[in-house]
C-alpha atoms as a PDB file:
ATOM      1  CA  MET A   1     -27.048 -37.278  29.360  1.00  0.00           C
ATOM      2  CA  SER A   2     -26.447 -38.486  25.795  1.00  0.00           C
ATOM      3  CA  ARG A   3     -28.834 -37.742  22.926  1.00  0.00           C
ATOM      4  CA  LYS A   4     -29.782 -41.418  22.740  1.00  0.00           C
ATOM      5  CA  SER A   5     -30.531 -41.569  26.478  1.00  0.00           C
ATOM      6  CA  SER A   6     -32.536 -38.352  26.327  1.00  0.00           C
ATOM      7  CA  LEU A   7     -34.694 -39.702  23.508  1.00  0.00           C
ATOM      8  CA  LEU A   8     -35.310 -42.915  25.425  1.00  0.00           C
ATOM      9  CA  VAL A   9     -36.359 -40.981  28.545  1.00  0.00           C
ATOM     10  CA  LEU A  10     -38.679 -38.796  26.449  1.00  0.00           C
ATOM     11  CA  ILE A  11     -40.348 -41.809  24.909  1.00  0.00           C
ATOM     12  CA  ILE A  12     -40.844 -43.517  28.292  1.00  0.00           C
ATOM     13  CA  ILE A  13     -42.278 -40.377  29.878  1.00  0.00           C
ATOM     14  CA  SER A  14     -44.597 -39.775  26.935  1.00  0.00           C
ATOM     15  CA  LEU A  15     -45.872 -43.343  26.875  1.00  0.00           C
ATOM     16  CA  LEU A  16     -46.601 -43.316  30.594  1.00  0.00           C
ATOM     17  CA  SER A  17     -48.209 -39.900  30.693  1.00  0.00           C
ATOM     18  CA  GLY A  18     -50.454 -37.696  28.606  1.00  0.00           C
ATOM     19  CA  CYS A  19     -49.168 -38.048  25.054  1.00  0.00           C
ATOM     20  CA  VAL A  20     -52.422 -39.770  24.088  1.00  0.00           C
ATOM     21  CA  THR A  21     -54.101 -36.364  23.820  1.00  0.00           C
ATOM     22  CA  ALA A  22     -52.050 -35.123  20.852  1.00  0.00           C
ATOM     23  CA  GLY A  23     -54.228 -34.910  17.740  1.00  0.00           C
ATOM     24  CA  SER A  24     -57.022 -36.891  19.391  1.00  0.00           C
ATOM     25  CA  ILE A  25     -60.807 -36.756  19.032  1.00  0.00           C
ATOM     26  CA  GLU A  26     -62.561 -34.889  21.809  1.00  0.00           C
ATOM     27  CA  GLU A  27     -64.562 -37.124  24.175  1.00  0.00           C
ATOM     28  CA  ALA A  28     -68.186 -35.993  24.597  1.00  0.00           C
ATOM     29  CA  SER A  29     -68.922 -34.821  28.147  1.00  0.00           C
ATOM     30  CA  THR A  30     -71.986 -32.671  27.408  1.00  0.00           C
ATOM     31  CA  LEU A  31     -74.691 -32.790  24.751  1.00  0.00           C
ATOM     32  CA  SER A  32     -75.223 -29.947  22.283  1.00  0.00           C
ATOM     33  CA  PRO A  33     -76.568 -29.635  18.708  1.00  0.00           C
ATOM     34  CA  ASP A  34     -73.388 -27.662  17.944  1.00  0.00           C
ATOM     35  CA  LYS A  35     -71.271 -30.738  18.748  1.00  0.00           C
ATOM     36  CA  PRO A  36     -73.415 -33.866  18.951  1.00  0.00           C
ATOM     37  CA  ALA A  37     -72.146 -37.008  20.658  1.00  0.00           C
ATOM     38  CA  VAL A  38     -71.293 -39.640  18.037  1.00  0.00           C
ATOM     39  CA  PHE A  39     -71.419 -43.040  19.687  1.00  0.00           C
ATOM     40  CA  GLY A  40     -71.060 -46.757  19.072  1.00  0.00           C
ATOM     41  CA  LYS A  41     -68.694 -49.614  19.906  1.00  0.00           C
ATOM     42  CA  VAL A  42     -65.448 -50.931  18.461  1.00  0.00           C
ATOM     43  CA  GLN A  43     -63.944 -54.395  18.911  1.00  0.00           C
ATOM     44  CA  VAL A  44     -60.642 -55.606  17.443  1.00  0.00           C
ATOM     45  CA  PHE A  45     -59.992 -59.306  16.855  1.00  0.00           C
ATOM     46  CA  ILE A  46     -56.367 -60.408  16.444  1.00  0.00           C
ATOM     47  CA  GLN A  47     -55.984 -63.939  15.070  1.00  0.00           C
ATOM     48  CA  ASN A  48     -59.751 -64.371  15.769  1.00  0.00           C
ATOM     49  CA  VAL A  49     -59.330 -63.534  19.478  1.00  0.00           C
ATOM     50  CA  PRO A  50     -60.937 -60.331  20.862  1.00  0.00           C
ATOM     51  CA  HIS A  51     -58.177 -58.075  22.132  1.00  0.00           C
ATOM     52  CA  GLN A  52     -58.361 -56.118  25.377  1.00  0.00           C
ATOM     53  CA  TRP A  53     -56.652 -52.712  25.507  1.00  0.00           C
ATOM     54  CA  ASN A  54     -55.052 -50.893  28.421  1.00  0.00           C
ATOM     55  CA  ARG A  55     -56.727 -47.695  29.641  1.00  0.00           C
ATOM     56  CA  ASN A  56     -53.476 -46.335  31.102  1.00  0.00           C
ATOM     57  CA  PHE A  57     -51.458 -46.610  27.870  1.00  0.00           C
ATOM     58  CA  THR A  58     -48.695 -48.639  29.529  1.00  0.00           C
ATOM     59  CA  GLY A  59     -48.938 -51.813  27.457  1.00  0.00           C
ATOM     60  CA  PRO A  60     -46.655 -52.579  24.498  1.00  0.00           C
ATOM     61  CA  THR A  61     -49.571 -52.778  22.027  1.00  0.00           C
ATOM     62  CA  ASN A  62     -52.012 -49.954  21.307  1.00  0.00           C
ATOM     63  CA  PHE A  63     -54.644 -49.203  18.673  1.00  0.00           C
ATOM     64  CA  TRP A  64     -55.967 -45.941  17.204  1.00  0.00           C
ATOM     65  CA  LEU A  65     -58.888 -45.228  14.892  1.00  0.00           C
ATOM     66  CA  LEU A  66     -58.437 -42.308  12.479  1.00  0.00           C
ATOM     67  CA  VAL A  67     -61.336 -39.950  11.662  1.00  0.00           C
ATOM     68  CA  LYS A  68     -61.418 -36.828   9.493  1.00  0.00           C
ATOM     69  CA  PRO A  69     -64.009 -34.390   8.129  1.00  0.00           C
ATOM     70  CA  ALA A  70     -64.871 -35.031   4.470  1.00  0.00           C
ATOM     71  CA  GLY A  71     -62.738 -32.896   2.175  1.00  0.00           C
ATOM     72  CA  SER A  72     -59.975 -32.390   4.754  1.00  0.00           C
ATOM     73  CA  GLN A  73     -56.455 -33.811   4.533  1.00  0.00           C
ATOM     74  CA  GLU A  74     -56.044 -33.858   8.320  1.00  0.00           C
ATOM     75  CA  ALA A  75     -57.289 -36.759  10.474  1.00  0.00           C
ATOM     76  CA  SER A  76     -57.667 -37.042  14.244  1.00  0.00           C
ATOM     77  CA  SER A  77     -56.995 -40.182  16.261  1.00  0.00           C
ATOM     78  CA  TYR A  78     -58.950 -42.101  18.891  1.00  0.00           C
ATOM     79  CA  ARG A  79     -57.066 -44.590  21.074  1.00  0.00           C
ATOM     80  CA  LEU A  80     -58.939 -47.699  22.190  1.00  0.00           C
ATOM     81  CA  ASP A  81     -58.996 -48.412  25.916  1.00  0.00           C
ATOM     82  CA  ASP A  82     -60.577 -51.080  28.114  1.00  0.00           C
ATOM     83  CA  THR A  83     -64.156 -50.102  27.214  1.00  0.00           C
ATOM     84  CA  PRO A  84     -65.549 -50.806  23.715  1.00  0.00           C
ATOM     85  CA  GLU A  85     -67.973 -47.857  23.781  1.00  0.00           C
ATOM     86  CA  PHE A  86     -66.916 -44.539  22.251  1.00  0.00           C
ATOM     87  CA  HIS A  87     -68.536 -41.097  22.509  1.00  0.00           C
ATOM     88  CA  TRP A  88     -66.980 -38.594  20.098  1.00  0.00           C
ATOM     89  CA  SER A  89     -67.790 -34.889  20.156  1.00  0.00           C
ATOM     90  CA  LEU A  90     -68.071 -33.919  16.473  1.00  0.00           C
ATOM     91  CA  ALA A  91     -69.663 -30.964  14.718  1.00  0.00           C
ATOM     92  CA  PRO A  92     -72.456 -31.742  12.207  1.00  0.00           C
ATOM     93  CA  GLY A  93     -71.149 -32.722   8.789  1.00  0.00           C
ATOM     94  CA  LYS A  94     -69.717 -35.574   6.733  1.00  0.00           C
ATOM     95  CA  TYR A  95     -66.802 -37.671   8.034  1.00  0.00           C
ATOM     96  CA  ASN A  96     -64.579 -40.583   7.070  1.00  0.00           C
ATOM     97  CA  LEU A  97     -63.266 -43.388   9.225  1.00  0.00           C
ATOM     98  CA  VAL A  98     -59.954 -43.256   7.350  1.00  0.00           C
ATOM     99  CA  GLY A  99     -58.243 -46.259   8.914  1.00  0.00           C
ATOM    100  CA  TYR A 100     -56.336 -47.414  11.955  1.00  0.00           C
ATOM    101  CA  VAL A 101     -52.901 -47.722  13.522  1.00  0.00           C
ATOM    102  CA  LEU A 102     -51.855 -50.869  15.390  1.00  0.00           C
ATOM    103  CA  ARG A 103     -48.579 -50.214  17.192  1.00  0.00           C
ATOM    104  CA  HIS A 104     -46.522 -52.873  18.983  1.00  0.00           C
ATOM    105  CA  PHE A 105     -43.401 -51.312  20.534  1.00  0.00           C
ATOM    106  CA  ALA A 106     -41.581 -49.668  17.546  1.00  0.00           C
ATOM    107  CA  ASN A 107     -43.578 -51.484  14.848  1.00  0.00           C
ATOM    108  CA  ALA A 108     -46.659 -49.741  13.447  1.00  0.00           C
ATOM    109  CA  THR A 109     -49.219 -51.246  11.077  1.00  0.00           C
ATOM    110  CA  ILE A 110     -51.289 -48.560   9.306  1.00  0.00           C
ATOM    111  CA  ARG A 111     -54.305 -49.638   7.255  1.00  0.00           C
ATOM    112  CA  ARG A 112     -56.927 -47.768   5.271  1.00  0.00           C
ATOM    113  CA  THR A 113     -60.592 -48.664   5.954  1.00  0.00           C
ATOM    114  CA  TRP A 114     -62.477 -45.657   4.506  1.00  0.00           C
ATOM    115  CA  ALA A 115     -66.006 -45.769   5.835  1.00  0.00           C
ATOM    116  CA  GLU A 116     -68.293 -42.741   5.553  1.00  0.00           C
ATOM    117  CA  PHE A 117     -70.798 -41.328   8.041  1.00  0.00           C
ATOM    118  CA  THR A 118     -72.762 -38.119   8.487  1.00  0.00           C
ATOM    119  CA  VAL A 119     -73.415 -36.321  11.766  1.00  0.00           C
ATOM    120  CA  PRO A 120     -76.867 -34.732  11.300  1.00  0.00           C
ATOM    121  CA  ALA A 121     -77.576 -31.125  12.226  1.00  0.00           C
ATOM    122  CA  ASN A 122     -79.957 -30.207  15.076  1.00  0.00           C
ATOM    123  CA  VAL A 123     -79.462 -33.447  17.029  1.00  0.00           C
ATOM    124  CA  SER A 124     -77.687 -34.119  20.298  1.00  0.00           C
ATOM    125  CA  ALA A 125     -76.576 -37.700  19.644  1.00  0.00           C
ATOM    126  CA  ALA A 126     -76.009 -39.952  16.615  1.00  0.00           C
ATOM    127  CA  TYR A 127     -75.318 -43.697  16.586  1.00  0.00           C
ATOM    128  CA  VAL A 128     -72.856 -44.734  13.845  1.00  0.00           C
ATOM    129  CA  GLY A 129     -72.764 -48.479  14.528  1.00  0.00           C
ATOM    130  CA  ASP A 130     -70.752 -51.207  16.214  1.00  0.00           C
ATOM    131  CA  ILE A 131     -67.395 -51.580  14.460  1.00  0.00           C
ATOM    132  CA  SER A 132     -65.632 -54.941  14.215  1.00  0.00           C
ATOM    133  CA  ILE A 133     -62.044 -55.122  12.930  1.00  0.00           C
ATOM    134  CA  SER A 134     -60.514 -58.557  12.339  1.00  0.00           C
ATOM    135  CA  LEU A 135     -56.743 -58.953  11.832  1.00  0.00           C
ATOM    136  CA  VAL A 136     -55.448 -62.354  10.701  1.00  0.00           C
ATOM    137  CA  GLU A 137     -51.782 -62.478   9.665  1.00  0.00           C
ATOM    138  CA  ASP A 138     -51.420 -59.904   6.838  1.00  0.00           C
ATOM    139  CA  THR A 139     -55.141 -59.571   6.113  1.00  0.00           C
ATOM    140  CA  SER A 140     -57.785 -57.387   7.729  1.00  0.00           C
ATOM    141  CA  ALA A 141     -61.553 -57.013   7.519  1.00  0.00           C
ATOM    142  CA  ILE A 142     -63.889 -54.396   8.955  1.00  0.00           C
ATOM    143  CA  ASN A 143     -67.645 -54.581   9.428  1.00  0.00           C
ATOM    144  CA  VAL A 144     -70.254 -52.257  10.908  1.00  0.00           C
ATOM    145  CA  SER A 145     -73.332 -53.803  12.533  1.00  0.00           C
ATOM    146  CA  ASP A 146     -76.585 -52.171  13.661  1.00  0.00           C
ATOM    147  CA  ASN A 147     -77.370 -52.612  17.370  1.00  0.00           C
ATOM    148  CA  PHE A 148     -79.188 -49.333  17.719  1.00  0.00           C
ATOM    149  CA  ASN A 149     -81.761 -50.129  20.423  1.00  0.00           C
ATOM    150  CA  PRO A 150     -79.387 -51.477  23.119  1.00  0.00           C
ATOM    151  CA  ALA A 151     -76.789 -48.849  22.204  1.00  0.00           C
ATOM    152  CA  ALA A 152     -79.354 -46.037  22.538  1.00  0.00           C
ATOM    153  CA  ALA A 153     -80.509 -47.409  25.901  1.00  0.00           C
ATOM    154  CA  ALA A 154     -76.919 -47.513  27.197  1.00  0.00           C
ATOM    155  CA  PHE A 155     -76.361 -43.985  25.906  1.00  0.00           C
ATOM    156  CA  ARG A 156     -79.407 -42.694  27.780  1.00  0.00           C
ATOM    157  CA  THR A 157     -78.033 -44.245  30.955  1.00  0.00           C
ATOM    158  CA  ARG A 158     -74.726 -42.433  30.455  1.00  0.00           C
ATOM    159  CA  PHE A 159     -76.422 -39.140  29.540  1.00  0.00           C
ATOM    160  CA  PRO A 160     -79.685 -39.012  31.571  1.00  0.00           C
ATOM    161  CA  ASP A 161     -80.257 -35.361  30.609  1.00  0.00           C
ATOM    162  CA  LEU A 162     -80.733 -36.311  26.948  1.00  0.00           C
ATOM    163  CA  LYS A 163     -83.960 -34.622  25.804  1.00  0.00           C
ATOM    164  CA  ALA A 164     -84.460 -35.948  22.263  1.00  0.00           C
ATOM    165  CA  PRO A 165     -83.799 -39.593  21.373  1.00  0.00           C
ATOM    166  CA  PRO A 166     -80.544 -40.415  19.529  1.00  0.00           C
ATOM    167  CA  VAL A 167     -80.726 -40.816  15.765  1.00  0.00           C
ATOM    168  CA  LYS A 168     -79.232 -43.588  13.650  1.00  0.00           C
ATOM    169  CA  ALA A 169     -76.473 -42.562  11.204  1.00  0.00           C
ATOM    170  CA  LEU A 170     -74.663 -45.791  10.355  1.00  0.00           C
ATOM    171  CA  MET A 171     -71.233 -45.844   8.744  1.00  0.00           C
ATOM    172  CA  ARG A 172     -71.112 -47.283   5.252  1.00  0.00           C
ATOM    173  CA  PHE A 173     -68.470 -48.467   2.815  1.00  0.00           C
ATOM    174  CA  PRO A 174     -69.098 -46.821  -0.568  1.00  0.00           C
ATOM    175  CA  GLU A 175     -66.487 -48.567  -2.676  1.00  0.00           C
ATOM    176  CA  GLY A 176     -65.196 -52.035  -3.422  1.00  0.00           C
ATOM    177  CA  GLY A 177     -61.771 -53.345  -4.280  1.00  0.00           C
ATOM    178  CA  GLY A 178     -62.456 -54.126  -7.928  1.00  0.00           C
ATOM    179  CA  SER A 179     -63.364 -57.352  -9.696  1.00  0.00           C
ATOM    180  CA  ASN A 180     -61.070 -60.206  -8.707  1.00  0.00           C
ATOM    181  CA  THR A 181     -61.219 -63.514  -6.866  1.00  0.00           C
ATOM    182  CA  ARG A 182     -57.812 -63.374  -5.208  1.00  0.00           C
ATOM    183  CA  ALA A 183     -54.552 -61.417  -5.193  1.00  0.00           C
ATOM    184  CA  GLU A 184     -51.111 -62.989  -5.367  1.00  0.00           C
ATOM    185  CA  PRO A 185     -47.476 -61.839  -5.261  1.00  0.00           C
ATOM    186  CA  PRO A 186     -46.415 -60.198  -8.545  1.00  0.00           C
ATOM    187  CA  CYS A 187     -42.932 -61.703  -8.721  1.00  0.00           C
ATOM    188  CA  GLY A 188     -43.875 -65.052 -10.302  1.00  0.00           C
ATOM    189  CA  SER A 189     -42.821 -65.738 -13.888  1.00  0.00           C
ATOM    190  CA  VAL A 190     -46.447 -65.755 -15.056  1.00  0.00           C
ATOM    191  CA  TRP A 191     -46.565 -61.962 -14.552  1.00  0.00           C
ATOM    192  CA  GLY A 192     -43.363 -61.061 -16.416  1.00  0.00           C
ATOM    193  CA  VAL A 193     -42.095 -58.712 -13.710  1.00  0.00           C
ATOM    194  CA  GLN A 194     -38.554 -58.646 -12.345  1.00  0.00           C
ATOM    195  CA  CYS A 195     -39.038 -57.654  -8.692  1.00  0.00           C
ATOM    196  CA  GLN A 196     -36.053 -55.776  -7.241  1.00  0.00           C
ATOM    197  CA  ASN A 197     -34.835 -54.490  -3.905  1.00  0.00           C
ATOM    198  CA  ASP A 198     -36.392 -51.094  -4.652  1.00  0.00           C
ATOM    199  CA  PHE A 199     -39.925 -52.285  -5.290  1.00  0.00           C
ATOM    200  CA  ILE A 200     -42.271 -55.261  -5.439  1.00  0.00           C
ATOM    201  CA  GLY A 201     -44.219 -55.437  -8.687  1.00  0.00           C
ATOM    202  CA  VAL A 202     -43.918 -52.898 -11.471  1.00  0.00           C
ATOM    203  CA  GLY A 203     -41.794 -49.807 -10.840  1.00  0.00           C
ATOM    204  CA  PRO A 204     -42.925 -46.217 -11.398  1.00  0.00           C
ATOM    205  CA  VAL A 205     -41.497 -44.364 -14.410  1.00  0.00           C
ATOM    206  CA  ASN A 206     -43.215 -40.968 -14.260  1.00  0.00           C
ATOM    207  CA  ALA A 207     -46.024 -39.447 -12.199  1.00  0.00           C
ATOM    208  CA  ALA A 208     -47.651 -36.005 -12.192  1.00  0.00           C
ATOM    209  CA  ILE A 209     -51.120 -34.496 -11.873  1.00  0.00           C
ATOM    210  CA  ALA A 210     -51.579 -35.057 -15.626  1.00  0.00           C
ATOM    211  CA  GLY A 211     -50.954 -38.820 -15.543  1.00  0.00           C
ATOM    212  CA  VAL A 212     -48.666 -41.698 -14.561  1.00  0.00           C
ATOM    213  CA  SER A 213     -46.568 -44.374 -16.261  1.00  0.00           C
ATOM    214  CA  TRP A 214     -44.861 -47.533 -15.058  1.00  0.00           C
ATOM    215  CA  MET A 215     -42.523 -50.321 -16.169  1.00  0.00           C
ATOM    216  CA  PRO A 216     -44.403 -52.848 -18.318  1.00  0.00           C
ATOM    217  CA  SER A 217     -44.699 -56.600 -17.968  1.00  0.00           C
ATOM    218  CA  THR A 218     -42.680 -58.617 -20.475  1.00  0.00           C
ATOM    219  CA  ASN A 219     -45.498 -61.179 -20.858  1.00  0.00           C
ATOM    220  CA  SER A 220     -48.399 -61.017 -23.296  1.00  0.00           C
ATOM    221  CA  GLY A 221     -51.990 -61.090 -22.066  1.00  0.00           C
ATOM    222  CA  VAL A 222     -51.249 -58.979 -18.995  1.00  0.00           C
ATOM    223  CA  THR A 223     -53.247 -55.790 -18.355  1.00  0.00           C
ATOM    224  CA  TYR A 224     -53.058 -53.307 -15.489  1.00  0.00           C
ATOM    225  CA  ASP A 225     -55.269 -51.851 -12.776  1.00  0.00           C
ATOM    226  CA  LEU A 226     -54.498 -48.349 -11.499  1.00  0.00           C
ATOM    227  CA  VAL A 227     -55.507 -46.706  -8.228  1.00  0.00           C
ATOM    228  CA  VAL A 228     -54.811 -43.148  -7.019  1.00  0.00           C
ATOM    229  CA  TYR A 229     -55.558 -41.868  -3.511  1.00  0.00           C
ATOM    230  CA  GLU A 230     -55.373 -38.383  -2.030  1.00  0.00           C
ATOM    231  CA  MET A 231     -52.994 -38.267   0.922  1.00  0.00           C
ATOM    232  CA  VAL A 232     -54.229 -37.856   4.513  1.00  0.00           C
ATOM    233  CA  ARG A 233     -52.020 -36.656   7.384  1.00  0.00           C
ATOM    234  CA  PHE A 234     -52.562 -37.442  11.053  1.00  0.00           C
ATOM    235  CA  MET A 235     -50.954 -37.425  14.498  1.00  0.00           C
ATOM    236  CA  TYR A 236     -51.258 -40.127  17.123  1.00  0.00           C
ATOM    237  CA  CYS A 237     -49.594 -39.625  20.481  1.00  0.00           C
ATOM    238  CA  GLY A 238     -47.034 -36.849  20.851  1.00  0.00           C
ATOM    239  CA  LEU A 239     -44.180 -38.840  19.336  1.00  0.00           C
ATOM    240  CA  PHE A 240     -45.681 -40.438  16.246  1.00  0.00           C
ATOM    241  CA  GLY A 241     -46.441 -38.041  13.457  1.00  0.00           C
ATOM    242  CA  PRO A 242     -47.248 -36.399  11.304  1.00  0.00           C
ATOM    243  CA  VAL A 243     -47.930 -39.699   9.532  1.00  0.00           C
ATOM    244  CA  LYS A 244     -49.306 -39.965   5.998  1.00  0.00           C
ATOM    245  CA  MET A 245     -51.594 -42.561   4.448  1.00  0.00           C
ATOM    246  CA  PRO A 246     -53.988 -43.031   1.487  1.00  0.00           C
ATOM    247  CA  GLY A 247     -57.328 -41.292   1.905  1.00  0.00           C
ATOM    248  CA  HIS A 248     -60.014 -40.473  -0.682  1.00  0.00           C
ATOM    249  CA  ARG A 249     -59.810 -42.621  -3.824  1.00  0.00           C
ATOM    250  CA  VAL A 250     -59.803 -40.298  -6.846  1.00  0.00           C
ATOM    251  CA  VAL A 251     -58.969 -42.748  -9.665  1.00  0.00           C
ATOM    252  CA  TYR A 252     -59.599 -46.471 -10.149  1.00  0.00           C
ATOM    253  CA  ARG A 253     -59.329 -48.164 -13.539  1.00  0.00           C
ATOM    254  CA  GLU A 254     -59.188 -51.836 -14.517  1.00  0.00           C
ATOM    255  CA  ASN A 255     -57.795 -53.605 -17.604  1.00  0.00           C
ATOM    256  CA  ILE A 256     -55.552 -50.825 -18.875  1.00  0.00           C
ATOM    257  CA  SER A 257     -53.775 -52.262 -21.911  1.00  0.00           C
ATOM    258  CA  GLY A 258     -50.694 -49.997 -21.942  1.00  0.00           C
ATOM    259  CA  ASN A 259     -48.241 -48.994 -19.230  1.00  0.00           C
ATOM    260  CA  SER A 260     -49.436 -45.388 -18.859  1.00  0.00           C
ATOM    261  CA  PHE A 261     -52.628 -43.502 -18.046  1.00  0.00           C
ATOM    262  CA  VAL A 262     -53.691 -39.884 -18.580  1.00  0.00           C
ATOM    263  CA  PHE A 263     -56.127 -38.680 -15.919  1.00  0.00           C
ATOM    264  CA  ASP A 264     -59.529 -37.695 -17.270  1.00  0.00           C
ATOM    265  CA  GLN A 265     -60.198 -35.355 -14.361  1.00  0.00           C
ATOM    266  CA  ALA A 266     -58.256 -32.423 -12.956  1.00  0.00           C
ATOM    267  CA  LEU A 267     -56.265 -33.190  -9.817  1.00  0.00           C
ATOM    268  CA  ASN A 268     -55.329 -30.647  -7.155  1.00  0.00           C
ATOM    269  CA  PRO A 269     -51.794 -29.314  -7.778  1.00  0.00           C
ATOM    270  CA  ASN A 270     -51.488 -28.435  -4.075  1.00  0.00           C
ATOM    271  CA  ALA A 271     -52.322 -31.961  -2.872  1.00  0.00           C
ATOM    272  CA  THR A 272     -50.191 -35.085  -2.561  1.00  0.00           C
ATOM    273  CA  TYR A 273     -51.324 -38.380  -4.086  1.00  0.00           C
ATOM    274  CA  TYR A 274     -50.486 -42.034  -3.536  1.00  0.00           C
ATOM    275  CA  TRP A 275     -50.812 -44.438  -6.447  1.00  0.00           C
ATOM    276  CA  SER A 276     -50.102 -47.999  -7.474  1.00  0.00           C
ATOM    277  CA  VAL A 277     -50.543 -50.531 -10.267  1.00  0.00           C
ATOM    278  CA  ARG A 278     -51.376 -54.208 -10.120  1.00  0.00           C
ATOM    279  CA  LEU A 279     -51.220 -56.742 -12.938  1.00  0.00           C
ATOM    280  CA  ARG A 280     -54.311 -58.591 -14.177  1.00  0.00           C
ATOM    281  CA  LYS A 281     -55.227 -61.681 -16.197  1.00  0.00           C
ATOM    282  CA  GLY A 282     -59.010 -61.910 -16.268  1.00  0.00           C
ATOM    283  CA  ASP A 283     -60.176 -62.055 -12.644  1.00  0.00           C
ATOM    284  CA  ARG A 284     -56.699 -63.026 -11.444  1.00  0.00           C
ATOM    285  CA  VAL A 285     -54.643 -60.105 -10.100  1.00  0.00           C
ATOM    286  CA  THR A 286     -51.434 -59.393  -8.199  1.00  0.00           C
ATOM    287  CA  ASN A 287     -51.007 -57.402  -5.028  1.00  0.00           C
ATOM    288  CA  TRP A 288     -50.548 -53.674  -5.542  1.00  0.00           C
ATOM    289  CA  SER A 289     -46.998 -52.677  -6.561  1.00  0.00           C
ATOM    290  CA  ARG A 290     -45.077 -50.762  -3.889  1.00  0.00           C
ATOM    291  CA  HIS A 291     -41.665 -49.485  -2.923  1.00  0.00           C
ATOM    292  CA  LYS A 292     -39.657 -51.534  -0.432  1.00  0.00           C
ATOM    293  CA  ILE A 293     -37.513 -49.479   1.918  1.00  0.00           C
ATOM    294  CA  SER A 294     -35.486 -50.108   5.071  1.00  0.00           C
ATOM    295  CA  SER A 295     -35.431 -47.365   7.676  1.00  0.00           C
ATOM    296  CA  SER A 296     -33.813 -46.885  11.068  1.00  0.00           C
ATOM    297  CA  LEU A 297     -34.107 -44.720  14.168  1.00  0.00           C
ATOM    298  CA  VAL A 298     -31.608 -44.030  16.950  1.00  0.00           C
ATOM    299  CA  ILE A 299     -32.928 -46.727  19.262  1.00  0.00           C
ATOM    300  CA  ALA A 300     -34.857 -49.000  16.936  1.00  0.00           C
ATOM    301  CA  LYS A 301     -34.540 -50.447  13.478  1.00  0.00           C
ATOM    302  CA  TRP A 302     -37.132 -52.131  11.335  1.00  0.00           C
ATOM    303  CA  THR A 303     -38.068 -52.637   7.692  1.00  0.00           C
ATOM    304  CA  ARG A 304     -40.842 -50.428   6.315  1.00  0.00           C
ATOM    305  CA  THR A 305     -42.185 -52.508   3.468  1.00  0.00           C
ATOM    306  CA  ASN A 306     -44.363 -51.432   0.604  1.00  0.00           C
ATOM    307  CA  PRO A 307     -44.858 -47.654   0.865  1.00  0.00           C
ATOM    308  CA  TRP A 308     -47.076 -46.354  -1.938  1.00  0.00           C
ATOM    309  CA  PHE A 309     -45.722 -44.539  -4.976  1.00  0.00           C
ATOM    310  CA  SER A 310     -46.479 -40.817  -4.717  1.00  0.00           C
ATOM    311  CA  PHE A 311     -46.562 -37.514  -6.591  1.00  0.00           C
ATOM    312  CA  GLY A 312     -47.659 -33.952  -5.874  1.00  0.00           C
ATOM    313  CA  ALA A 313     -46.845 -31.204  -3.420  1.00  0.00           C
ATOM    314  CA  GLN A 314     -45.253 -33.351  -0.676  1.00  0.00           C
ATOM    315  CA  ALA A 315     -44.342 -36.453  -2.603  1.00  0.00           C
ATOM    316  CA  GLY A 316     -41.700 -38.786  -1.200  1.00  0.00           C
ATOM    317  CA  ARG A 317     -40.985 -42.449  -0.860  1.00  0.00           C
ATOM    318  CA  PHE A 318     -41.752 -42.567   2.846  1.00  0.00           C
ATOM    319  CA  ARG A 319     -45.269 -42.762   4.144  1.00  0.00           C
END
């Protein structure tokens, strides 16, 4: 059997069998203060239509949530199935809902959401909310609603041996996206940027844990916003990973007048960071500048657009 045929067989077997367990969040089967059950619901809307997922992992489209302990660079995945309820077994502590992966055949969309929640100590169950994720074309929105009473009643039905009532520990979103009314492509003449095949927006010049610099706009009246994220790694399924994405936001500055910035806090020399710059005129901004790269595999080819700029221990142009 050829290498190409062997890879195809491996992928088919993995998709139809147990690869969903690799790097996944443990499902709660018993209740214990050492590992409380974290529960809620999640619903994904694609083009405003609620999407139904396949429990057996045989469909072409699948969806994973990504969760990690606060302070860690490693996330675990949770694949959605045909029931919206989830029951995660997590030790007490602080966590982040880092983001999600939407995969359709060979094409994967990876987005950062970054909600925070805390699993209290000395409880058996904690409700973190009902999560709604809406995907419309290239935009996405996530909301967390509070339906504690019916959720707690359903949880008691599932776990009749529950002795103490569940507690409420809703997810929250601690940060905004900055002050702007809309974002637009950076390649228009008003922004003074010559977009190229290598990147969209301004290009990186230098980046290190001390600071970053980038190619300037040729137009007057343009300032810059800078964002820097610590990298998060995760696995989803046995074939896809380790994958990297932006995690904790460590730097965000608006209206920088020059095309460089020296960090005013010490960054971790052993970590990897993603960063980007967008152009600004008042409350009018561009999309974040990114690389643009084409990539190919043995049996599939697609364009991976807009990976973040990076620096640090494992920096590279590929996410």
